Amino acid sequence: PILEKLSTLHDEKNWDEMKKVAHKFKPTLSYVGIKELEGVVPQLEKYALDQDPNGNIPELIETLNYFCSEALDEIRRHFGETTENEGQ
């Protein structure tokens, strides 16, 4: 998954690839509509460009992970409820 890839790239200090992966992730977040993350990916791109001098990237990845997990859980609950309701 993309968040694991971002963590790995950070650990490897592969800043160019991290910036590219983060950039590719933006449309997905926009499409899903997770408002809490609108500013996170641009920050991630900037910190990757600057080679994360203050060590901010791990916290941003944690934030991405948290809100993406929450969104995925909500989708699963919704479709689980829909599937259960169809059987009635």
Foldseek 3Di string as FASTA:
>chain_A
DLLVVLVVCLVVLVLVVNLVSLVVCQVVCVVLPLVVCNVLSVVSNVCSVVSNPPVCNVVSSVVVVVSVVVSVVVVCVVVVVVVVVVVD
